[in-house]
């Protein structure tokens, strides 16, 4: 095996390509991918994770940050009861 082929084989064992701030990574198993995802969540800044979660919730419900800020504030909590279950 030549040095060039050996280097190609080593590159195949660590498949990672950079595209700007994110990396494209190919895992050999679902367990390996899940472990890497859990580690990334653990190492992520909690405030940034909450900010991204809020942005996702706003997108799902069709609101923008400006619309949310323009809504009147209410100090009331509404509890809806259906049968014996609270929602």
PDB file of N, CA and C in Angstrom:
ATOM      1  N   UNK A   1       0.861  -1.179   0.000  1.00  0.00           N
ATOM      2  CA  UNK A   1       0.000   0.000   0.000  1.00  0.00           C
ATOM      3  C   UNK A   1       0.903   1.235   0.000  1.00  0.00           C
ATOM      4  N   UNK A   2       0.622   2.135  -0.910  1.00  0.00           N
ATOM      5  CA  UNK A   2       1.433   3.340  -1.002  1.00  0.00           C
ATOM      6  C   UNK A   2       1.009   4.331   0.070  1.00  0.00           C
ATOM      7  N   UNK A   3       1.876   5.333   0.280  1.00  0.00           N
ATOM      8  CA  UNK A   3       1.569   6.356   1.285  1.00  0.00           C
ATOM      9  C   UNK A   3       0.306   7.128   0.934  1.00  0.00           C
ATOM     10  N   UNK A   4       0.083   7.352  -0.367  1.00  0.00           N
ATOM     11  CA  UNK A   4      -1.101   8.096  -0.802  1.00  0.00           C
ATOM     12  C   UNK A   4      -2.379   7.318  -0.497  1.00  0.00           C
ATOM     13  N   UNK A   5      -2.374   6.007  -0.768  1.00  0.00           N
ATOM     14  CA  UNK A   5      -3.541   5.172  -0.470  1.00  0.00           C
ATOM     15  C   UNK A   5      -3.767   5.050   1.031  1.00  0.00           C
ATOM     16  N   UNK A   6      -2.678   4.948   1.785  1.00  0.00           N
ATOM     17  CA  UNK A   6      -2.796   4.853   3.238  1.00  0.00           C
ATOM     18  C   UNK A   6      -3.404   6.133   3.813  1.00  0.00           C
ATOM     19  N   UNK A   7      -3.002   7.281   3.269  1.00  0.00           N
ATOM     20  CA  UNK A   7      -3.547   8.560   3.732  1.00  0.00           C
ATOM     21  C   UNK A   7      -5.036   8.658   3.393  1.00  0.00           C
ATOM     22  N   UNK A   8      -5.451   8.196   2.218  1.00  0.00           N
ATOM     23  CA  UNK A   8      -6.860   8.200   1.844  1.00  0.00           C
ATOM     24  C   UNK A   8      -7.667   7.326   2.794  1.00  0.00           C
ATOM     25  N   UNK A   9      -7.129   6.157   3.154  1.00  0.00           N
ATOM     26  CA  UNK A   9      -7.822   5.248   4.057  1.00  0.00           C
ATOM     27  C   UNK A   9      -7.983   5.883   5.439  1.00  0.00           C
ATOM     28  N   UNK A  10      -6.965   6.566   5.928  1.00  0.00           N
ATOM     29  CA  UNK A  10      -7.053   7.252   7.213  1.00  0.00           C
ATOM     30  C   UNK A  10      -8.099   8.356   7.165  1.00  0.00           C
ATOM     31  N   UNK A  11      -8.188   9.070   6.051  1.00  0.00           N
ATOM     32  CA  UNK A  11      -9.198  10.114   5.910  1.00  0.00           C
ATOM     33  C   UNK A  11     -10.608   9.532   5.916  1.00  0.00           C
ATOM     34  N   UNK A  12     -10.791   8.337   5.392  1.00  0.00           N
ATOM     35  CA  UNK A  12     -12.106   7.706   5.392  1.00  0.00           C
ATOM     36  C   UNK A  12     -12.540   7.312   6.798  1.00  0.00           C
ATOM     37  N   UNK A  13     -11.604   7.016   7.667  1.00  0.00           N
ATOM     38  CA  UNK A  13     -11.947   6.638   9.029  1.00  0.00           C
ATOM     39  C   UNK A  13     -12.423   7.826   9.860  1.00  0.00           C
ATOM     40  N   UNK A  14     -12.059   9.016   9.483  1.00  0.00           N
ATOM     41  CA  UNK A  14     -12.490  10.231  10.188  1.00  0.00           C
ATOM     42  C   UNK A  14     -13.203  11.152   9.197  1.00  0.00           C
ATOM     43  N   UNK A  15     -14.425  10.798   8.774  1.00  0.00           N
ATOM     44  CA  UNK A  15     -15.111  11.622   7.772  1.00  0.00           C
ATOM     45  C   UNK A  15     -15.717  12.877   8.380  1.00  0.00           C
ATOM     46  N   UNK A  16     -15.062  13.995   8.183  1.00  0.00           N
ATOM     47  CA  UNK A  16     -15.567  15.268   8.688  1.00  0.00           C
ATOM     48  C   UNK A  16     -15.159  16.357   7.710  1.00  0.00           C
ATOM     49  N   UNK A  17     -16.140  17.123   7.248  1.00  0.00           N
ATOM     50  CA  UNK A  17     -15.887  18.181   6.285  1.00  0.00           C
ATOM     51  C   UNK A  17     -16.429  19.468   6.857  1.00  0.00           C
ATOM     52  N   UNK A  18     -15.653  20.531   6.842  1.00  0.00           N
ATOM     53  CA  UNK A  18     -16.108  21.801   7.392  1.00  0.00           C
ATOM     54  C   UNK A  18     -16.805  22.661   6.361  1.00  0.00           C
ATOM     55  N   UNK A  19     -17.940  23.233   6.735  1.00  0.00           N
ATOM     56  CA  UNK A  19     -18.673  24.174   5.902  1.00  0.00           C
ATOM     57  C   UNK A  19     -19.018  25.367   6.770  1.00  0.00           C
ATOM     58  N   UNK A  20     -18.164  26.351   6.833  1.00  0.00           N
ATOM     59  CA  UNK A  20     -18.435  27.519   7.664  1.00  0.00           C
ATOM     60  C   UNK A  20     -18.357  27.169   9.142  1.00  0.00           C
ATOM     61  N   UNK A  21     -19.421  27.472   9.880  1.00  0.00           N
ATOM     62  CA  UNK A  21     -19.428  27.241  11.319  1.00  0.00           C
ATOM     63  C   UNK A  21     -19.808  25.820  11.690  1.00  0.00           C
ATOM     64  N   UNK A  22     -20.450  25.088  10.795  1.00  0.00           N
ATOM     65  CA  UNK A  22     -20.905  23.741  11.117  1.00  0.00           C
ATOM     66  C   UNK A  22     -20.052  22.706  10.401  1.00  0.00           C
ATOM     67  N   UNK A  23     -20.084  21.513  10.910  1.00  0.00           N
ATOM     68  CA  UNK A  23     -19.361  20.407  10.307  1.00  0.00           C
ATOM     69  C   UNK A  23     -20.343  19.337   9.862  1.00  0.00           C
ATOM     70  N   UNK A  24     -20.063  18.722   8.737  1.00  0.00           N
ATOM     71  CA  UNK A  24     -20.826  17.584   8.253  1.00  0.00           C
ATOM     72  C   UNK A  24     -20.094  16.351   8.723  1.00  0.00           C
ATOM     73  N   UNK A  25     -20.782  15.494   9.432  1.00  0.00           N
ATOM     74  CA  UNK A  25     -20.127  14.334  10.006  1.00  0.00           C
ATOM     75  C   UNK A  25     -20.933  13.087   9.686  1.00  0.00           C
ATOM     76  N   UNK A  26     -20.278  12.029   9.303  1.00  0.00           N
ATOM     77  CA  UNK A  26     -20.924  10.756   8.993  1.00  0.00           C
ATOM     78  C   UNK A  26     -20.539   9.777  10.090  1.00  0.00           C
ATOM     79  N   UNK A  27     -21.551   9.187  10.722  1.00  0.00           N
ATOM     80  CA  UNK A  27     -21.316   8.247  11.820  1.00  0.00           C
ATOM     81  C   UNK A  27     -21.507   6.821  11.324  1.00  0.00           C
ATOM     82  N   UNK A  28     -20.837   5.900  11.993  1.00  0.00           N
ATOM     83  CA  UNK A  28     -20.884   4.501  11.598  1.00  0.00           C
ATOM     84  C   UNK A  28     -22.048   3.755  12.232  1.00  0.00           C
ATOM     85  N   UNK A  29     -22.713   4.361  13.220  1.00  0.00           N
ATOM     86  CA  UNK A  29     -23.865   3.722  13.851  1.00  0.00           C
ATOM     87  C   UNK A  29     -24.768   4.794  14.449  1.00  0.00           C
ATOM     88  N   UNK A  30     -26.016   4.405  14.715  1.00  0.00           N
ATOM     89  CA  UNK A  30     -26.951   5.334  15.336  1.00  0.00           C
ATOM     90  C   UNK A  30     -26.530   5.662  16.765  1.00  0.00           C
ATOM     91  N   UNK A  31     -25.946   4.687  17.451  1.00  0.00           N
ATOM     92  CA  UNK A  31     -25.497   4.911  18.821  1.00  0.00           C
ATOM     93  C   UNK A  31     -24.389   5.955  18.873  1.00  0.00           C
ATOM     94  N   UNK A  32     -23.466   5.892  17.925  1.00  0.00           N
ATOM     95  CA  UNK A  32     -22.375   6.861  17.857  1.00  0.00           C
ATOM     96  C   UNK A  32     -22.926   8.268  17.581  1.00  0.00           C
ATOM     97  N   UNK A  33     -23.914   8.361  16.689  1.00  0.00           N
ATOM     98  CA  UNK A  33     -24.524   9.656  16.374  1.00  0.00           C
ATOM     99  C   UNK A  33     -25.268  10.204  17.585  1.00  0.00           C
ATOM    100  N   UNK A  34     -25.986   9.337  18.302  1.00  0.00           N
ATOM    101  CA  UNK A  34     -26.731   9.780  19.488  1.00  0.00           C
ATOM    102  C   UNK A  34     -25.778  10.257  20.586  1.00  0.00           C
ATOM    103  N   UNK A  35     -24.685   9.548  20.780  1.00  0.00           N
ATOM    104  CA  UNK A  35     -23.692   9.945  21.779  1.00  0.00           C
ATOM    105  C   UNK A  35     -23.101  11.308  21.438  1.00  0.00           C
ATOM    106  N   UNK A  36     -22.785  11.528  20.169  1.00  0.00           N
ATOM    107  CA  UNK A  36     -22.228  12.819  19.749  1.00  0.00           C
ATOM    108  C   UNK A  36     -23.250  13.931  19.930  1.00  0.00           C
ATOM    109  N   UNK A  37     -24.531  13.648  19.652  1.00  0.00           N
ATOM    110  CA  UNK A  37     -25.576  14.656  19.824  1.00  0.00           C
ATOM    111  C   UNK A  37     -25.745  15.024  21.297  1.00  0.00           C
ATOM    112  N   UNK A  38     -25.723  14.036  22.168  1.00  0.00           N
ATOM    113  CA  UNK A  38     -25.849  14.284  23.612  1.00  0.00           C
ATOM    114  C   UNK A  38     -24.670  15.100  24.115  1.00  0.00           C
ATOM    115  N   UNK A  39     -23.467  14.776  23.672  1.00  0.00           N
ATOM    116  CA  UNK A  39     -22.282  15.536  24.080  1.00  0.00           C
ATOM    117  C   UNK A  39     -22.366  16.987  23.601  1.00  0.00           C
ATOM    118  N   UNK A  40     -22.876  17.200  22.388  1.00  0.00           N
ATOM    119  CA  UNK A  40     -23.010  18.560  21.869  1.00  0.00           C
ATOM    120  C   UNK A  40     -24.014  19.353  22.703  1.00  0.00           C
ATOM    121  N   UNK A  41     -25.098  18.726  23.114  1.00  0.00           N
ATOM    122  CA  UNK A  41     -26.097  19.404  23.949  1.00  0.00           C
ATOM    123  C   UNK A  41     -25.509  19.735  25.312  1.00  0.00           C
ATOM    124  N   UNK A  42     -24.759  18.811  25.884  1.00  0.00           N
ATOM    125  CA  UNK A  42     -24.149  19.041  27.201  1.00  0.00           C
ATOM    126  C   UNK A  42     -23.160  20.200  27.142  1.00  0.00           C
ATOM    127  N   UNK A  43     -22.392  20.284  26.069  1.00  0.00           N
ATOM    128  CA  UNK A  43     -21.366  21.324  25.944  1.00  0.00           C
ATOM    129  C   UNK A  43     -21.914  22.671  25.484  1.00  0.00           C
ATOM    130  N   UNK A  44     -23.181  22.717  25.095  1.00  0.00           N
ATOM    131  CA  UNK A  44     -23.768  23.959  24.593  1.00  0.00           C
ATOM    132  C   UNK A  44     -24.120  24.896  25.750  1.00  0.00           C
ATOM    133  N   UNK A  45     -24.004  26.186  25.497  1.00  0.00           N
ATOM    134  CA  UNK A  45     -24.352  27.196  26.488  1.00  0.00           C
ATOM    135  C   UNK A  45     -25.857  27.125  26.763  1.00  0.00           C
ATOM    136  N   UNK A  46     -26.281  26.990  28.038  1.00  0.00           N
ATOM    137  CA  UNK A  46     -27.700  26.861  28.361  1.00  0.00           C
ATOM    138  C   UNK A  46     -28.541  28.047  27.897  1.00  0.00           C
ATOM    139  N   UNK A  47     -28.011  29.250  27.985  1.00  0.00           N
ATOM    140  CA  UNK A  47     -28.754  30.440  27.566  1.00  0.00           C
ATOM    141  C   UNK A  47     -28.990  30.400  26.062  1.00  0.00           C
ATOM    142  N   UNK A  48     -27.984  29.993  25.302  1.00  0.00           N
ATOM    143  CA  UNK A  48     -28.131  29.888  23.853  1.00  0.00           C
ATOM    144  C   UNK A  48     -29.156  28.816  23.501  1.00  0.00           C
ATOM    145  N   UNK A  49     -29.175  27.722  24.224  1.00  0.00           N
ATOM    146  CA  UNK A  49     -30.150  26.652  23.964  1.00  0.00           C
ATOM    147  C   UNK A  49     -31.570  27.136  24.228  1.00  0.00           C
ATOM    148  N   UNK A  50     -31.778  27.883  25.304  1.00  0.00           N
ATOM    149  CA  UNK A  50     -33.098  28.428  25.608  1.00  0.00           C
ATOM    150  C   UNK A  50     -33.510  29.425  24.527  1.00  0.00           C
ATOM    151  N   UNK A  51     -32.574  30.265  24.080  1.00  0.00           N
ATOM    152  CA  UNK A  51     -32.882  31.247  23.033  1.00  0.00           C
ATOM    153  C   UNK A  51     -33.322  30.545  21.754  1.00  0.00           C
ATOM    154  N   UNK A  52     -32.612  29.490  21.364  1.00  0.00           N
ATOM    155  CA  UNK A  52     -32.986  28.747  20.157  1.00  0.00           C
ATOM    156  C   UNK A  52     -34.329  28.046  20.326  1.00  0.00           C
ATOM    157  N   UNK A  53     -34.614  27.548  21.529  1.00  0.00           N
ATOM    158  CA  UNK A  53     -35.900  26.895  21.794  1.00  0.00           C
ATOM    159  C   UNK A  53     -37.040  27.891  21.672  1.00  0.00           C
ATOM    160  N   UNK A  54     -36.860  29.089  22.231  1.00  0.00           N
ATOM    161  CA  UNK A  54     -37.891  30.127  22.132  1.00  0.00           C
ATOM    162  C   UNK A  54     -38.103  30.522  20.672  1.00  0.00           C
ATOM    163  N   UNK A  55     -37.033  30.660  19.907  1.00  0.00           N
ATOM    164  CA  UNK A  55     -37.160  31.002  18.493  1.00  0.00           C
ATOM    165  C   UNK A  55     -37.919  29.918  17.730  1.00  0.00           C
ATOM    166  N   UNK A  56     -37.668  28.658  18.070  1.00  0.00           N
ATOM    167  CA  UNK A  56     -38.380  27.553  17.422  1.00  0.00           C
ATOM    168  C   UNK A  56     -39.865  27.590  17.768  1.00  0.00           C
ATOM    169  N   UNK A  57     -40.202  27.830  19.030  1.00  0.00           N
ATOM    170  CA  UNK A  57     -41.607  27.914  19.453  1.00  0.00           C
ATOM    171  C   UNK A  57     -42.304  29.065  18.731  1.00  0.00           C
ATOM    172  N   UNK A  58     -41.648  30.214  18.623  1.00  0.00           N
ATOM    173  CA  UNK A  58     -42.237  31.344  17.917  1.00  0.00           C
ATOM    174  C   UNK A  58     -42.487  31.008  16.445  1.00  0.00           C
ATOM    175  N   UNK A  59     -41.545  30.321  15.802  1.00  0.00           N
ATOM    176  CA  UNK A  59     -41.723  29.932  14.399  1.00  0.00           C
ATOM    177  C   UNK A  59     -42.883  28.959  14.233  1.00  0.00           C
ATOM    178  N   UNK A  60     -43.000  27.994  15.169  1.00  0.00           N
ATOM    179  CA  UNK A  60     -44.065  26.998  15.081  1.00  0.00           C
ATOM    180  C   UNK A  60     -45.437  27.662  15.172  1.00  0.00           C
ATOM    181  N   UNK A  61     -45.588  28.626  16.074  1.00  0.00           N
ATOM    182  CA  UNK A  61     -46.874  29.279  16.269  1.00  0.00           C
ATOM    183  C   UNK A  61     -47.058  30.526  15.395  1.00  0.00           C
ATOM    184  N   UNK A  62     -46.097  30.840  14.542  1.00  0.00           N
ATOM    185  CA  UNK A  62     -46.243  31.920  13.573  1.00  0.00           C
ATOM    186  C   UNK A  62     -46.107  33.315  14.148  1.00  0.00           C
ATOM    187  N   UNK A  63     -45.331  33.490  15.204  1.00  0.00           N
ATOM    188  CA  UNK A  63     -45.109  34.800  15.799  1.00  0.00           C
ATOM    189  C   UNK A  63     -43.686  35.254  15.518  1.00  0.00           C
ATOM    190  N   UNK A  64     -43.486  36.561  15.565  1.00  0.00           N
ATOM    191  CA  UNK A  64     -42.137  37.111  15.517  1.00  0.00           C
ATOM    192  C   UNK A  64     -41.816  37.678  16.899  1.00  0.00           C
ATOM    193  N   UNK A  65     -40.565  37.971  17.114  1.00  0.00           N
ATOM    194  CA  UNK A  65     -40.147  38.546  18.390  1.00  0.00           C
ATOM    195  C   UNK A  65     -40.821  39.898  18.613  1.00  0.00           C
ATOM    196  N   UNK A  66     -40.993  40.668  17.539  1.00  0.00           N
ATOM    197  CA  UNK A  66     -41.621  41.986  17.645  1.00  0.00           C
ATOM    198  C   UNK A  66     -43.101  41.863  18.014  1.00  0.00           C
ATOM    199  N   UNK A  67     -43.807  40.904  17.390  1.00  0.00           N
ATOM    200  CA  UNK A  67     -45.226  40.692  17.710  1.00  0.00           C
ATOM    201  C   UNK A  67     -45.400  40.267  19.158  1.00  0.00           C
ATOM    202  N   UNK A  68     -44.508  39.428  19.620  1.00  0.00           N
ATOM    203  CA  UNK A  68     -44.587  38.962  21.001  1.00  0.00           C
ATOM    204  C   UNK A  68     -44.358  40.118  21.966  1.00  0.00           C
ATOM    205  N   UNK A  69     -43.419  41.006  21.654  1.00  0.00           N
ATOM    206  CA  UNK A  69     -43.151  42.152  22.507  1.00  0.00           C
ATOM    207  C   UNK A  69     -44.270  43.179  22.502  1.00  0.00           C
ATOM    208  N   UNK A  70     -45.044  43.240  21.409  1.00  0.00           N
ATOM    209  CA  UNK A  70     -46.123  44.222  21.291  1.00  0.00           C
ATOM    210  C   UNK A  70     -47.413  43.768  21.983  1.00  0.00           C
ATOM    211  N   UNK A  71     -47.511  42.502  22.338  1.00  0.00           N
ATOM    212  CA  UNK A  71     -48.731  42.011  22.991  1.00  0.00           C
ATOM    213  C   UNK A  71     -48.860  42.611  24.387  1.00  0.00           C
ATOM    214  N   UNK A  72     -50.097  42.914  24.805  1.00  0.00           N
ATOM    215  CA  UNK A  72     -50.274  43.440  26.171  1.00  0.00           C
ATOM    216  C   UNK A  72     -49.992  42.350  27.196  1.00  0.00           C
ATOM    217  N   UNK A  73     -49.350  42.751  28.266  1.00  0.00           N
ATOM    218  CA  UNK A  73     -49.009  41.789  29.315  1.00  0.00           C
ATOM    219  C   UNK A  73     -50.220  41.557  30.206  1.00  0.00           C
ATOM    220  N   UNK A  74     -50.382  40.320  30.633  1.00  0.00           N
ATOM    221  CA  UNK A  74     -51.489  39.958  31.503  1.00  0.00           C
ATOM    222  C   UNK A  74     -50.927  39.217  32.705  1.00  0.00           C
ATOM    223  N   UNK A  75     -51.466  39.488  33.875  1.00  0.00           N
ATOM    224  CA  UNK A  75     -51.028  38.799  35.089  1.00  0.00           C
ATOM    225  C   UNK A  75     -51.958  37.650  35.450  1.00  0.00           C
ATOM    226  N   UNK A  76     -52.777  37.211  34.501  1.00  0.00           N
ATOM    227  CA  UNK A  76     -53.744  36.152  34.759  1.00  0.00           C
ATOM    228  C   UNK A  76     -53.221  34.821  34.236  1.00  0.00           C
ATOM    229  N   UNK A  77     -53.581  33.769  34.936  1.00  0.00           N
ATOM    230  CA  UNK A  77     -53.294  32.408  34.502  1.00  0.00           C
ATOM    231  C   UNK A  77     -54.630  31.723  34.312  1.00  0.00           C
ATOM    232  N   UNK A  78     -54.849  31.130  33.154  1.00  0.00           N
ATOM    233  CA  UNK A  78     -56.102  30.450  32.862  1.00  0.00           C
ATOM    234  C   UNK A  78     -55.877  28.951  32.939  1.00  0.00           C
ATOM    235  N   UNK A  79     -56.689  28.265  33.736  1.00  0.00           N
ATOM    236  CA  UNK A  79     -56.625  26.817  33.844  1.00  0.00           C
ATOM    237  C   UNK A  79     -57.897  26.269  33.216  1.00  0.00           C
ATOM    238  N   UNK A  80     -57.744  25.425  32.212  1.00  0.00           N
ATOM    239  CA  UNK A  80     -58.880  24.845  31.510  1.00  0.00           C
ATOM    240  C   UNK A  80     -59.051  23.423  32.018  1.00  0.00           C
ATOM    241  N   UNK A  81     -60.251  23.110  32.461  1.00  0.00           N
ATOM    242  CA  UNK A  81     -60.517  21.789  33.025  1.00  0.00           C
ATOM    243  C   UNK A  81     -61.483  21.039  32.112  1.00  0.00           C
ATOM    244  N   UNK A  82     -61.056  19.851  31.679  1.00  0.00           N
ATOM    245  CA  UNK A  82     -61.890  18.968  30.882  1.00  0.00           C
ATOM    246  C   UNK A  82     -62.099  17.694  31.682  1.00  0.00           C
ATOM    247  N   UNK A  83     -63.299  17.481  32.193  1.00  0.00           N
ATOM    248  CA  UNK A  83     -63.561  16.282  33.004  1.00  0.00           C
ATOM    249  C   UNK A  83     -62.745  16.332  34.269  1.00  0.00           C
ATOM    250  N   UNK A  84     -61.988  15.292  34.529  1.00  0.00           N
ATOM    251  CA  UNK A  84     -61.136  15.245  35.721  1.00  0.00           C
ATOM    252  C   UNK A  84     -59.686  15.555  35.401  1.00  0.00           C
ATOM    253  N   UNK A  85     -59.401  15.980  34.179  1.00  0.00           N
ATOM    254  CA  UNK A  85     -58.032  16.234  33.768  1.00  0.00           C
ATOM    255  C   UNK A  85     -57.829  17.734  33.577  1.00  0.00           C
ATOM    256  N   UNK A  86     -56.727  18.237  34.089  1.00  0.00           N
ATOM    257  CA  UNK A  86     -56.364  19.650  33.903  1.00  0.00           C
ATOM    258  C   UNK A  86     -55.375  19.745  32.737  1.00  0.00           C
ATOM    259  N   UNK A  87     -55.505  20.801  31.950  1.00  0.00           N
ATOM    260  CA  UNK A  87     -54.582  21.054  30.844  1.00  0.00           C
ATOM    261  C   UNK A  87     -53.944  22.389  31.017  1.00  0.00           C
TER     262      UNK A  87
END
